[in-house]
């Protein structure tokens, strides 16, 4: 009886040693490359053009956001552009002939008033010499003459400005204002176009976090898409086995719920380690660092697999 127990123990230890020497499977999950489509403005969702699980081509309409607020901004920017273009045209063409004629008439009137004020000042000055008027009247006449003379000089300068044309610096400033207004309008128009959200790549709609009528915040993910020709197995390689793997190595991947295994190729493996995920905690490797690797699945059947399924991967013989 004692010998039978010893023999059974020896067999168990032998089997345990063989199991330990067998190739260790890498565990992980099935994943797809993802694209997050975000909202460029915080506007309500008007309608959805797709549903979760739909396959879409690149450029297909996914949803529409309310454009009314953006349309108002565009109308304001368009009016500002037209105003700046009008100012530039006015400065470029110069003053109208009617404006110049009015300035000349005003200058002629100012000359006449200045002549009259000069004569009045001369008359009062003669009377003051003979002490027929007070000094205050002479001071008033002098002030009136100087005012008329200053008004005439101002009108002369205005007429010169109208007849000599606009300064080049003013035209350059007006042209810069037009360019800025046009750039603002173009930016608003581009944002308006993106209120109709299109698929950036061909793929499958995985998640639609919002419903019609919801108002996603600025930068929120409104559509999550799975893209690429095939999924990949994201597995974790224990540190002691990291050195034996290289990009291009072949693997056999088994997926929970799928009978047949899939061939796969090591697409990438991280150079920075991370801690072992909870579902990979087993045996001696539970306290060690691991390296995340991606195994690209092969075969037409892989294109229909959903994301998130548990997988195990072993080196292909």
C-alpha atoms as a PDB file:
ATOM      1  CA  UNK A   1       0.000   0.000   0.000  1.00  0.00           C
ATOM      2  CA  UNK A   2       2.805   2.339   0.862  1.00  0.00           C
ATOM      3  CA  UNK A   3       4.573   1.625  -2.461  1.00  0.00           C
ATOM      4  CA  UNK A   4       1.378   2.403  -4.415  1.00  0.00           C
ATOM      5  CA  UNK A   5       1.126   5.841  -2.749  1.00  0.00           C
ATOM      6  CA  UNK A   6       4.783   6.559  -3.501  1.00  0.00           C
ATOM      7  CA  UNK A   7       4.295   5.570  -7.143  1.00  0.00           C
ATOM      8  CA  UNK A   8       1.231   7.791  -7.480  1.00  0.00           C
ATOM      9  CA  UNK A   9       3.111  10.731  -6.006  1.00  0.00           C
ATOM     10  CA  UNK A  10       5.995  10.192  -8.430  1.00  0.00           C
ATOM     11  CA  UNK A  11       3.612  10.166 -11.412  1.00  0.00           C
ATOM     12  CA  UNK A  12       1.934  13.347 -10.216  1.00  0.00           C
ATOM     13  CA  UNK A  13       5.288  15.116  -9.840  1.00  0.00           C
ATOM     14  CA  UNK A  14       6.340  13.943 -13.292  1.00  0.00           C
ATOM     15  CA  UNK A  15       3.126  15.199 -14.882  1.00  0.00           C
ATOM     16  CA  UNK A  16       3.499  18.519 -13.072  1.00  0.00           C
ATOM     17  CA  UNK A  17       7.049  18.867 -14.369  1.00  0.00           C
ATOM     18  CA  UNK A  18       5.906  18.132 -17.905  1.00  0.00           C
ATOM     19  CA  UNK A  19       3.099  20.693 -17.622  1.00  0.00           C
ATOM     20  CA  UNK A  20       5.542  23.283 -16.372  1.00  0.00           C
ATOM     21  CA  UNK A  21       7.863  22.627 -19.300  1.00  0.00           C
ATOM     22  CA  UNK A  22       4.982  22.887 -21.833  1.00  0.00           C
ATOM     23  CA  UNK A  23       4.689  26.149 -23.774  1.00  0.00           C
ATOM     24  CA  UNK A  24       2.799  28.734 -21.739  1.00  0.00           C
ATOM     25  CA  UNK A  25      -0.224  30.327 -23.425  1.00  0.00           C
ATOM     26  CA  UNK A  26      -0.449  34.103 -23.488  1.00  0.00           C
ATOM     27  CA  UNK A  27      -3.829  35.433 -22.409  1.00  0.00           C
ATOM     28  CA  UNK A  28      -5.630  38.597 -23.437  1.00  0.00           C
ATOM     29  CA  UNK A  29      -8.636  39.922 -25.337  1.00  0.00           C
ATOM     30  CA  UNK A  30      -9.717  40.349 -28.939  1.00  0.00           C
ATOM     31  CA  UNK A  31      -9.522  43.968 -30.079  1.00  0.00           C
ATOM     32  CA  UNK A  32     -10.038  46.155 -33.140  1.00  0.00           C
ATOM     33  CA  UNK A  33      -8.336  49.404 -34.019  1.00  0.00           C
ATOM     34  CA  UNK A  34     -10.663  52.175 -32.859  1.00  0.00           C
ATOM     35  CA  UNK A  35     -11.397  55.682 -34.060  1.00  0.00           C
ATOM     36  CA  UNK A  36     -13.156  58.203 -31.827  1.00  0.00           C
ATOM     37  CA  UNK A  37     -15.222  60.736 -33.800  1.00  0.00           C
ATOM     38  CA  UNK A  38     -15.673  63.865 -31.669  1.00  0.00           C
ATOM     39  CA  UNK A  39     -18.049  66.835 -31.663  1.00  0.00           C
ATOM     40  CA  UNK A  40     -16.463  70.085 -32.850  1.00  0.00           C
ATOM     41  CA  UNK A  41     -19.322  72.174 -31.398  1.00  0.00           C
ATOM     42  CA  UNK A  42     -21.655  71.675 -28.441  1.00  0.00           C
ATOM     43  CA  UNK A  43     -24.866  71.426 -30.457  1.00  0.00           C
ATOM     44  CA  UNK A  44     -27.892  69.085 -30.128  1.00  0.00           C
ATOM     45  CA  UNK A  45     -28.049  65.919 -32.226  1.00  0.00           C
ATOM     46  CA  UNK A  46     -30.671  66.308 -34.964  1.00  0.00           C
ATOM     47  CA  UNK A  47     -30.630  62.781 -36.366  1.00  0.00           C
ATOM     48  CA  UNK A  48     -28.586  59.625 -36.694  1.00  0.00           C
ATOM     49  CA  UNK A  49     -27.884  58.150 -40.114  1.00  0.00           C
ATOM     50  CA  UNK A  50     -26.453  54.865 -38.741  1.00  0.00           C
ATOM     51  CA  UNK A  51     -27.042  52.374 -35.947  1.00  0.00           C
ATOM     52  CA  UNK A  52     -24.626  50.440 -33.771  1.00  0.00           C
ATOM     53  CA  UNK A  53     -23.162  47.514 -35.702  1.00  0.00           C
ATOM     54  CA  UNK A  54     -23.584  49.106 -39.154  1.00  0.00           C
ATOM     55  CA  UNK A  55     -20.730  48.832 -41.619  1.00  0.00           C
ATOM     56  CA  UNK A  56     -19.971  52.153 -43.308  1.00  0.00           C
ATOM     57  CA  UNK A  57     -17.667  53.365 -46.045  1.00  0.00           C
ATOM     58  CA  UNK A  58     -15.257  56.273 -45.696  1.00  0.00           C
ATOM     59  CA  UNK A  59     -17.131  59.560 -46.021  1.00  0.00           C
ATOM     60  CA  UNK A  60     -20.547  58.140 -45.130  1.00  0.00           C
ATOM     61  CA  UNK A  61     -22.813  60.424 -43.062  1.00  0.00           C
ATOM     62  CA  UNK A  62     -22.991  59.314 -39.426  1.00  0.00           C
ATOM     63  CA  UNK A  63     -25.070  62.040 -37.779  1.00  0.00           C
ATOM     64  CA  UNK A  64     -26.129  65.683 -38.034  1.00  0.00           C
ATOM     65  CA  UNK A  65     -25.832  68.344 -35.332  1.00  0.00           C
ATOM     66  CA  UNK A  66     -28.077  71.430 -35.133  1.00  0.00           C
ATOM     67  CA  UNK A  67     -26.512  74.108 -37.427  1.00  0.00           C
ATOM     68  CA  UNK A  68     -28.681  77.138 -36.601  1.00  0.00           C
ATOM     69  CA  UNK A  69     -26.328  78.803 -34.133  1.00  0.00           C
ATOM     70  CA  UNK A  70     -23.388  78.300 -36.497  1.00  0.00           C
ATOM     71  CA  UNK A  71     -25.414  79.705 -39.419  1.00  0.00           C
ATOM     72  CA  UNK A  72     -25.947  82.907 -37.414  1.00  0.00           C
ATOM     73  CA  UNK A  73     -22.211  83.190 -36.780  1.00  0.00           C
ATOM     74  CA  UNK A  74     -21.539  82.713 -40.492  1.00  0.00           C
ATOM     75  CA  UNK A  75     -24.049  85.439 -41.418  1.00  0.00           C
ATOM     76  CA  UNK A  76     -22.376  87.856 -38.996  1.00  0.00           C
ATOM     77  CA  UNK A  77     -18.918  87.031 -40.368  1.00  0.00           C
ATOM     78  CA  UNK A  78     -20.161  87.486 -43.944  1.00  0.00           C
ATOM     79  CA  UNK A  79     -21.521  90.940 -43.106  1.00  0.00           C
ATOM     80  CA  UNK A  80     -18.205  91.898 -41.480  1.00  0.00           C
ATOM     81  CA  UNK A  81     -16.343  90.776 -44.583  1.00  0.00           C
ATOM     82  CA  UNK A  82     -18.569  92.852 -46.867  1.00  0.00           C
ATOM     83  CA  UNK A  83     -18.074  95.923 -44.643  1.00  0.00           C
ATOM     84  CA  UNK A  84     -14.277  95.572 -44.737  1.00  0.00           C
ATOM     85  CA  UNK A  85     -14.309  95.017 -48.508  1.00  0.00           C
ATOM     86  CA  UNK A  86     -16.339  98.230 -48.892  1.00  0.00           C
ATOM     87  CA  UNK A  87     -13.826 100.189 -46.804  1.00  0.00           C
ATOM     88  CA  UNK A  88     -10.967  98.850 -48.901  1.00  0.00           C
ATOM     89  CA  UNK A  89     -12.740  99.784 -52.141  1.00  0.00           C
ATOM     90  CA  UNK A  90     -13.408 103.288 -50.829  1.00  0.00           C
ATOM     91  CA  UNK A  91      -9.783 103.824 -49.871  1.00  0.00           C
ATOM     92  CA  UNK A  92      -8.524 102.344 -53.150  1.00  0.00           C
ATOM     93  CA  UNK A  93     -10.778 104.425 -55.420  1.00  0.00           C
ATOM     94  CA  UNK A  94     -10.303 107.638 -53.472  1.00  0.00           C
ATOM     95  CA  UNK A  95     -12.862 110.343 -52.737  1.00  0.00           C
ATOM     96  CA  UNK A  96     -15.795 110.975 -55.092  1.00  0.00           C
ATOM     97  CA  UNK A  97     -15.799 114.145 -57.166  1.00  0.00           C
ATOM     98  CA  UNK A  98     -18.895 115.356 -55.294  1.00  0.00           C
ATOM     99  CA  UNK A  99     -16.996 115.108 -51.996  1.00  0.00           C
ATOM    100  CA  UNK A 100     -14.074 117.079 -53.422  1.00  0.00           C
ATOM    101  CA  UNK A 101     -16.428 119.808 -54.818  1.00  0.00           C
ATOM    102  CA  UNK A 102     -18.110 120.133 -51.416  1.00  0.00           C
ATOM    103  CA  UNK A 103     -14.696 120.496 -49.746  1.00  0.00           C
ATOM    104  CA  UNK A 104     -13.728 123.252 -52.210  1.00  0.00           C
ATOM    105  CA  UNK A 105     -16.970 125.108 -51.562  1.00  0.00           C
ATOM    106  CA  UNK A 106     -16.410 124.899 -47.812  1.00  0.00           C
ATOM    107  CA  UNK A 107     -12.871 126.212 -48.286  1.00  0.00           C
ATOM    108  CA  UNK A 108     -14.105 129.169 -50.378  1.00  0.00           C
ATOM    109  CA  UNK A 109     -16.630 130.034 -47.679  1.00  0.00           C
ATOM    110  CA  UNK A 110     -13.897 129.834 -45.055  1.00  0.00           C
ATOM    111  CA  UNK A 111     -11.661 132.167 -47.105  1.00  0.00           C
ATOM    112  CA  UNK A 112     -14.487 134.703 -47.320  1.00  0.00           C
ATOM    113  CA  UNK A 113     -15.106 134.524 -43.585  1.00  0.00           C
ATOM    114  CA  UNK A 114     -11.396 134.891 -42.907  1.00  0.00           C
ATOM    115  CA  UNK A 115     -11.203 137.976 -45.157  1.00  0.00           C
ATOM    116  CA  UNK A 116     -14.167 139.512 -43.353  1.00  0.00           C
ATOM    117  CA  UNK A 117     -12.624 138.789 -39.959  1.00  0.00           C
ATOM    118  CA  UNK A 118      -9.310 140.278 -41.086  1.00  0.00           C
ATOM    119  CA  UNK A 119     -11.046 143.488 -42.224  1.00  0.00           C
ATOM    120  CA  UNK A 120     -12.966 143.735 -38.972  1.00  0.00           C
ATOM    121  CA  UNK A 121      -9.789 143.308 -36.968  1.00  0.00           C
ATOM    122  CA  UNK A 122      -8.039 146.059 -39.000  1.00  0.00           C
ATOM    123  CA  UNK A 123     -10.969 148.450 -38.452  1.00  0.00           C
ATOM    124  CA  UNK A 124     -11.092 147.848 -34.694  1.00  0.00           C
ATOM    125  CA  UNK A 125      -7.316 148.229 -34.428  1.00  0.00           C
ATOM    126  CA  UNK A 126      -7.457 151.707 -36.065  1.00  0.00           C
ATOM    127  CA  UNK A 127     -10.240 152.771 -33.743  1.00  0.00           C
ATOM    128  CA  UNK A 128      -8.240 151.543 -30.774  1.00  0.00           C
ATOM    129  CA  UNK A 129      -5.287 153.664 -31.779  1.00  0.00           C
ATOM    130  CA  UNK A 130      -7.542 156.694 -31.550  1.00  0.00           C
ATOM    131  CA  UNK A 131      -8.925 155.333 -28.257  1.00  0.00           C
ATOM    132  CA  UNK A 132     -12.437 155.154 -29.641  1.00  0.00           C
ATOM    133  CA  UNK A 133     -13.046 151.566 -28.471  1.00  0.00           C
ATOM    134  CA  UNK A 134     -12.008 149.514 -25.506  1.00  0.00           C
ATOM    135  CA  UNK A 135      -9.116 147.035 -25.566  1.00  0.00           C
ATOM    136  CA  UNK A 136     -11.535 144.167 -25.059  1.00  0.00           C
ATOM    137  CA  UNK A 137     -13.144 144.779 -28.452  1.00  0.00           C
ATOM    138  CA  UNK A 138      -9.744 144.621 -30.106  1.00  0.00           C
ATOM    139  CA  UNK A 139      -9.005 141.326 -28.333  1.00  0.00           C
ATOM    140  CA  UNK A 140     -12.314 139.880 -29.511  1.00  0.00           C
ATOM    141  CA  UNK A 141     -11.648 140.899 -33.092  1.00  0.00           C
ATOM    142  CA  UNK A 142      -8.173 139.349 -32.955  1.00  0.00           C
ATOM    143  CA  UNK A 143      -9.553 136.055 -31.592  1.00  0.00           C
ATOM    144  CA  UNK A 144     -12.248 135.932 -34.274  1.00  0.00           C
ATOM    145  CA  UNK A 145      -9.672 136.522 -37.013  1.00  0.00           C
ATOM    146  CA  UNK A 146      -7.400 133.736 -35.669  1.00  0.00           C
ATOM    147  CA  UNK A 147     -10.312 131.311 -35.464  1.00  0.00           C
ATOM    148  CA  UNK A 148     -11.283 131.992 -39.061  1.00  0.00           C
ATOM    149  CA  UNK A 149      -7.674 131.575 -40.167  1.00  0.00           C
ATOM    150  CA  UNK A 150      -7.384 128.197 -38.339  1.00  0.00           C
ATOM    151  CA  UNK A 151     -10.647 126.975 -39.872  1.00  0.00           C
ATOM    152  CA  UNK A 152      -9.381 127.880 -43.331  1.00  0.00           C
ATOM    153  CA  UNK A 153      -6.122 125.996 -42.780  1.00  0.00           C
ATOM    154  CA  UNK A 154      -8.034 122.892 -41.622  1.00  0.00           C
ATOM    155  CA  UNK A 155     -10.241 122.923 -44.720  1.00  0.00           C
ATOM    156  CA  UNK A 156      -7.192 123.385 -46.944  1.00  0.00           C
ATOM    157  CA  UNK A 157      -5.587 120.296 -45.373  1.00  0.00           C
ATOM    158  CA  UNK A 158      -8.804 118.309 -45.857  1.00  0.00           C
ATOM    159  CA  UNK A 159      -8.972 119.248 -49.518  1.00  0.00           C
ATOM    160  CA  UNK A 160      -5.346 118.260 -50.031  1.00  0.00           C
ATOM    161  CA  UNK A 161      -6.035 114.864 -48.456  1.00  0.00           C
ATOM    162  CA  UNK A 162      -8.991 114.304 -50.768  1.00  0.00           C
ATOM    163  CA  UNK A 163      -7.161 115.335 -53.911  1.00  0.00           C
ATOM    164  CA  UNK A 164      -3.854 113.579 -53.144  1.00  0.00           C
ATOM    165  CA  UNK A 165      -5.498 110.180 -52.514  1.00  0.00           C
ATOM    166  CA  UNK A 166      -5.257 107.621 -49.703  1.00  0.00           C
ATOM    167  CA  UNK A 167      -1.949 106.795 -48.054  1.00  0.00           C
ATOM    168  CA  UNK A 168      -0.524 103.339 -48.908  1.00  0.00           C
ATOM    169  CA  UNK A 169      -0.425 102.399 -45.218  1.00  0.00           C
ATOM    170  CA  UNK A 170      -4.191 102.884 -44.904  1.00  0.00           C
ATOM    171  CA  UNK A 171      -4.830 100.667 -47.927  1.00  0.00           C
ATOM    172  CA  UNK A 172      -2.558  97.952 -46.516  1.00  0.00           C
ATOM    173  CA  UNK A 173      -4.387  98.047 -43.185  1.00  0.00           C
ATOM    174  CA  UNK A 174      -7.748  97.791 -44.923  1.00  0.00           C
ATOM    175  CA  UNK A 175      -6.522  94.866 -47.055  1.00  0.00           C
ATOM    176  CA  UNK A 176      -5.293  93.065 -43.932  1.00  0.00           C
ATOM    177  CA  UNK A 177      -8.691  93.571 -42.314  1.00  0.00           C
ATOM    178  CA  UNK A 178     -10.354  92.002 -45.365  1.00  0.00           C
ATOM    179  CA  UNK A 179      -8.013  88.989 -45.221  1.00  0.00           C
ATOM    180  CA  UNK A 180      -8.741  88.490 -41.527  1.00  0.00           C
ATOM    181  CA  UNK A 181     -12.502  88.709 -42.037  1.00  0.00           C
ATOM    182  CA  UNK A 182     -12.331  86.225 -44.929  1.00  0.00           C
ATOM    183  CA  UNK A 183     -10.259  83.778 -42.866  1.00  0.00           C
ATOM    184  CA  UNK A 184     -12.794  83.974 -40.027  1.00  0.00           C
ATOM    185  CA  UNK A 185     -15.639  83.277 -42.450  1.00  0.00           C
ATOM    186  CA  UNK A 186     -13.786  80.304 -43.973  1.00  0.00           C
ATOM    187  CA  UNK A 187     -13.123  78.824 -40.527  1.00  0.00           C
ATOM    188  CA  UNK A 188     -16.768  79.155 -39.502  1.00  0.00           C
ATOM    189  CA  UNK A 189     -17.905  77.642 -42.812  1.00  0.00           C
ATOM    190  CA  UNK A 190     -15.582  74.661 -42.343  1.00  0.00           C
ATOM    191  CA  UNK A 191     -16.924  74.076 -38.842  1.00  0.00           C
ATOM    192  CA  UNK A 192     -20.464  74.332 -40.227  1.00  0.00           C
ATOM    193  CA  UNK A 193     -19.699  71.591 -42.739  1.00  0.00           C
ATOM    194  CA  UNK A 194     -18.421  69.341 -39.943  1.00  0.00           C
ATOM    195  CA  UNK A 195     -21.711  69.582 -38.085  1.00  0.00           C
ATOM    196  CA  UNK A 196     -22.660  66.863 -40.551  1.00  0.00           C
ATOM    197  CA  UNK A 197     -20.333  64.186 -39.206  1.00  0.00           C
ATOM    198  CA  UNK A 198     -18.800  61.796 -41.751  1.00  0.00           C
ATOM    199  CA  UNK A 199     -16.924  58.541 -41.249  1.00  0.00           C
ATOM    200  CA  UNK A 200     -13.160  59.233 -41.476  1.00  0.00           C
ATOM    201  CA  UNK A 201     -12.496  55.615 -42.538  1.00  0.00           C
ATOM    202  CA  UNK A 202     -14.371  52.545 -43.579  1.00  0.00           C
ATOM    203  CA  UNK A 203     -15.337  50.375 -40.634  1.00  0.00           C
ATOM    204  CA  UNK A 204     -18.088  49.316 -38.242  1.00  0.00           C
ATOM    205  CA  UNK A 205     -20.035  51.561 -35.876  1.00  0.00           C
ATOM    206  CA  UNK A 206     -19.304  50.204 -32.412  1.00  0.00           C
ATOM    207  CA  UNK A 207     -20.970  52.680 -30.049  1.00  0.00           C
ATOM    208  CA  UNK A 208     -23.264  55.721 -30.231  1.00  0.00           C
ATOM    209  CA  UNK A 209     -23.129  57.312 -26.750  1.00  0.00           C
ATOM    210  CA  UNK A 210     -25.813  59.969 -27.488  1.00  0.00           C
ATOM    211  CA  UNK A 211     -29.361  59.971 -28.822  1.00  0.00           C
ATOM    212  CA  UNK A 212     -31.306  62.429 -30.965  1.00  0.00           C
ATOM    213  CA  UNK A 213     -31.950  65.558 -28.915  1.00  0.00           C
ATOM    214  CA  UNK A 214     -28.910  65.100 -26.670  1.00  0.00           C
ATOM    215  CA  UNK A 215     -26.355  67.900 -26.644  1.00  0.00           C
ATOM    216  CA  UNK A 216     -22.815  66.459 -26.512  1.00  0.00           C
ATOM    217  CA  UNK A 217     -20.221  68.767 -24.919  1.00  0.00           C
ATOM    218  CA  UNK A 218     -17.421  70.180 -27.021  1.00  0.00           C
ATOM    219  CA  UNK A 219     -14.883  67.475 -27.865  1.00  0.00           C
ATOM    220  CA  UNK A 220     -17.116  64.616 -26.688  1.00  0.00           C
ATOM    221  CA  UNK A 221     -16.900  61.296 -28.512  1.00  0.00           C
ATOM    222  CA  UNK A 222     -20.123  60.974 -30.527  1.00  0.00           C
ATOM    223  CA  UNK A 223     -19.203  57.846 -32.506  1.00  0.00           C
ATOM    224  CA  UNK A 224     -16.799  55.000 -31.737  1.00  0.00           C
ATOM    225  CA  UNK A 225     -15.749  53.043 -34.830  1.00  0.00           C
ATOM    226  CA  UNK A 226     -13.892  49.772 -35.303  1.00  0.00           C
ATOM    227  CA  UNK A 227     -11.598  49.995 -38.317  1.00  0.00           C
ATOM    228  CA  UNK A 228      -9.096  47.823 -40.107  1.00  0.00           C
ATOM    229  CA  UNK A 229      -9.260  44.630 -42.164  1.00  0.00           C
ATOM    230  CA  UNK A 230      -9.026  42.236 -39.209  1.00  0.00           C
ATOM    231  CA  UNK A 231      -8.995  42.263 -35.396  1.00  0.00           C
ATOM    232  CA  UNK A 232      -5.946  41.551 -33.275  1.00  0.00           C
ATOM    233  CA  UNK A 233      -5.340  39.658 -30.067  1.00  0.00           C
ATOM    234  CA  UNK A 234      -3.952  41.898 -27.345  1.00  0.00           C
ATOM    235  CA  UNK A 235      -1.979  39.564 -25.099  1.00  0.00           C
ATOM    236  CA  UNK A 236       0.531  39.987 -22.291  1.00  0.00           C
ATOM    237  CA  UNK A 237       3.987  38.432 -22.399  1.00  0.00           C
ATOM    238  CA  UNK A 238       5.750  37.686 -19.066  1.00  0.00           C
ATOM    239  CA  UNK A 239       9.137  39.320 -18.700  1.00  0.00           C
ATOM    240  CA  UNK A 240      11.109  36.014 -18.743  1.00  0.00           C
ATOM    241  CA  UNK A 241       9.717  35.222 -22.221  1.00  0.00           C
ATOM    242  CA  UNK A 242      10.052  38.678 -23.744  1.00  0.00           C
ATOM    243  CA  UNK A 243      13.486  38.010 -25.277  1.00  0.00           C
ATOM    244  CA  UNK A 244      12.319  34.986 -27.271  1.00  0.00           C
ATOM    245  CA  UNK A 245       9.711  36.955 -29.265  1.00  0.00           C
ATOM    246  CA  UNK A 246      10.189  39.186 -32.287  1.00  0.00           C
ATOM    247  CA  UNK A 247       7.866  40.921 -34.735  1.00  0.00           C
ATOM    248  CA  UNK A 248       6.680  38.486 -37.401  1.00  0.00           C
ATOM    249  CA  UNK A 249       6.534  35.400 -35.167  1.00  0.00           C
ATOM    250  CA  UNK A 250       3.637  33.032 -35.889  1.00  0.00           C
ATOM    251  CA  UNK A 251       0.984  32.133 -33.303  1.00  0.00           C
ATOM    252  CA  UNK A 252      -2.165  30.096 -32.912  1.00  0.00           C
ATOM    253  CA  UNK A 253      -4.967  32.049 -31.262  1.00  0.00           C
ATOM    254  CA  UNK A 254      -7.994  30.445 -29.644  1.00  0.00           C
ATOM    255  CA  UNK A 255     -11.036  32.611 -28.954  1.00  0.00           C
ATOM    256  CA  UNK A 256     -13.608  31.815 -26.320  1.00  0.00           C
ATOM    257  CA  UNK A 257     -16.830  30.653 -27.974  1.00  0.00           C
ATOM    258  CA  UNK A 258     -15.201  29.958 -31.347  1.00  0.00           C
ATOM    259  CA  UNK A 259     -14.362  26.364 -32.135  1.00  0.00           C
ATOM    260  CA  UNK A 260     -11.605  26.751 -34.694  1.00  0.00           C
ATOM    261  CA  UNK A 261      -8.299  28.491 -33.843  1.00  0.00           C
ATOM    262  CA  UNK A 262      -6.912  31.337 -35.943  1.00  0.00           C
ATOM    263  CA  UNK A 263      -3.438  31.831 -37.322  1.00  0.00           C
ATOM    264  CA  UNK A 264      -1.878  35.119 -36.287  1.00  0.00           C
ATOM    265  CA  UNK A 265       1.320  37.100 -36.692  1.00  0.00           C
ATOM    266  CA  UNK A 266       3.025  39.206 -34.033  1.00  0.00           C
ATOM    267  CA  UNK A 267       2.447  42.772 -35.215  1.00  0.00           C
ATOM    268  CA  UNK A 268       4.046  44.669 -32.345  1.00  0.00           C
ATOM    269  CA  UNK A 269       5.269  44.286 -28.801  1.00  0.00           C
ATOM    270  CA  UNK A 270       5.810  47.106 -26.349  1.00  0.00           C
ATOM    271  CA  UNK A 271       9.282  47.969 -25.123  1.00  0.00           C
ATOM    272  CA  UNK A 272       7.943  49.376 -21.844  1.00  0.00           C
ATOM    273  CA  UNK A 273       6.655  46.813 -19.324  1.00  0.00           C
ATOM    274  CA  UNK A 274       3.418  47.062 -17.390  1.00  0.00           C
ATOM    275  CA  UNK A 275       1.936  45.188 -14.448  1.00  0.00           C
ATOM    276  CA  UNK A 276       0.158  41.900 -15.003  1.00  0.00           C
ATOM    277  CA  UNK A 277      -3.605  42.404 -15.633  1.00  0.00           C
ATOM    278  CA  UNK A 278      -5.996  40.713 -13.243  1.00  0.00           C
ATOM    279  CA  UNK A 279      -7.096  37.996 -15.682  1.00  0.00           C
ATOM    280  CA  UNK A 280      -3.468  36.906 -16.273  1.00  0.00           C
ATOM    281  CA  UNK A 281      -2.651  36.348 -12.609  1.00  0.00           C
ATOM    282  CA  UNK A 282      -1.474  32.727 -12.402  1.00  0.00           C
ATOM    283  CA  UNK A 283       1.440  30.917 -10.779  1.00  0.00           C
ATOM    284  CA  UNK A 284       4.885  32.464 -10.623  1.00  0.00           C
ATOM    285  CA  UNK A 285       4.045  35.122 -13.200  1.00  0.00           C
ATOM    286  CA  UNK A 286       1.448  36.766 -10.964  1.00  0.00           C
ATOM    287  CA  UNK A 287       3.953  39.216  -9.471  1.00  0.00           C
ATOM    288  CA  UNK A 288       6.045  39.875 -12.562  1.00  0.00           C
ATOM    289  CA  UNK A 289       5.950  42.580 -15.167  1.00  0.00           C
ATOM    290  CA  UNK A 290       4.544  41.820 -18.614  1.00  0.00           C
ATOM    291  CA  UNK A 291       4.847  43.341 -22.084  1.00  0.00           C
ATOM    292  CA  UNK A 292       1.764  44.065 -24.159  1.00  0.00           C
ATOM    293  CA  UNK A 293       1.800  42.451 -27.610  1.00  0.00           C
ATOM    294  CA  UNK A 294      -0.567  42.559 -30.580  1.00  0.00           C
ATOM    295  CA  UNK A 295      -1.197  39.477 -32.747  1.00  0.00           C
ATOM    296  CA  UNK A 296      -2.919  40.259 -36.040  1.00  0.00           C
ATOM    297  CA  UNK A 297      -5.429  37.529 -36.937  1.00  0.00           C
ATOM    298  CA  UNK A 298      -5.518  36.052 -40.433  1.00  0.00           C
ATOM    299  CA  UNK A 299      -8.364  34.567 -42.458  1.00  0.00           C
ATOM    300  CA  UNK A 300     -11.604  35.951 -43.867  1.00  0.00           C
ATOM    301  CA  UNK A 301     -13.631  34.676 -40.883  1.00  0.00           C
ATOM    302  CA  UNK A 302     -11.743  36.994 -38.510  1.00  0.00           C
ATOM    303  CA  UNK A 303     -13.407  40.067 -40.036  1.00  0.00           C
ATOM    304  CA  UNK A 304     -16.738  39.167 -38.423  1.00  0.00           C
ATOM    305  CA  UNK A 305     -15.445  38.640 -34.876  1.00  0.00           C
ATOM    306  CA  UNK A 306     -16.595  41.075 -32.171  1.00  0.00           C
ATOM    307  CA  UNK A 307     -14.236  42.910 -29.859  1.00  0.00           C
ATOM    308  CA  UNK A 308     -13.742  42.011 -26.209  1.00  0.00           C
ATOM    309  CA  UNK A 309     -13.707  38.196 -26.373  1.00  0.00           C
ATOM    310  CA  UNK A 310     -11.094  36.424 -24.177  1.00  0.00           C
ATOM    311  CA  UNK A 311      -8.245  34.773 -26.132  1.00  0.00           C
ATOM    312  CA  UNK A 312      -5.265  32.534 -25.519  1.00  0.00           C
ATOM    313  CA  UNK A 313      -2.276  32.438 -27.841  1.00  0.00           C
ATOM    314  CA  UNK A 314       0.540  29.929 -28.216  1.00  0.00           C
ATOM    315  CA  UNK A 315       3.580  29.848 -30.480  1.00  0.00           C
ATOM    316  CA  UNK A 316       2.855  28.078 -33.726  1.00  0.00           C
ATOM    317  CA  UNK A 317       4.800  24.808 -34.163  1.00  0.00           C
END
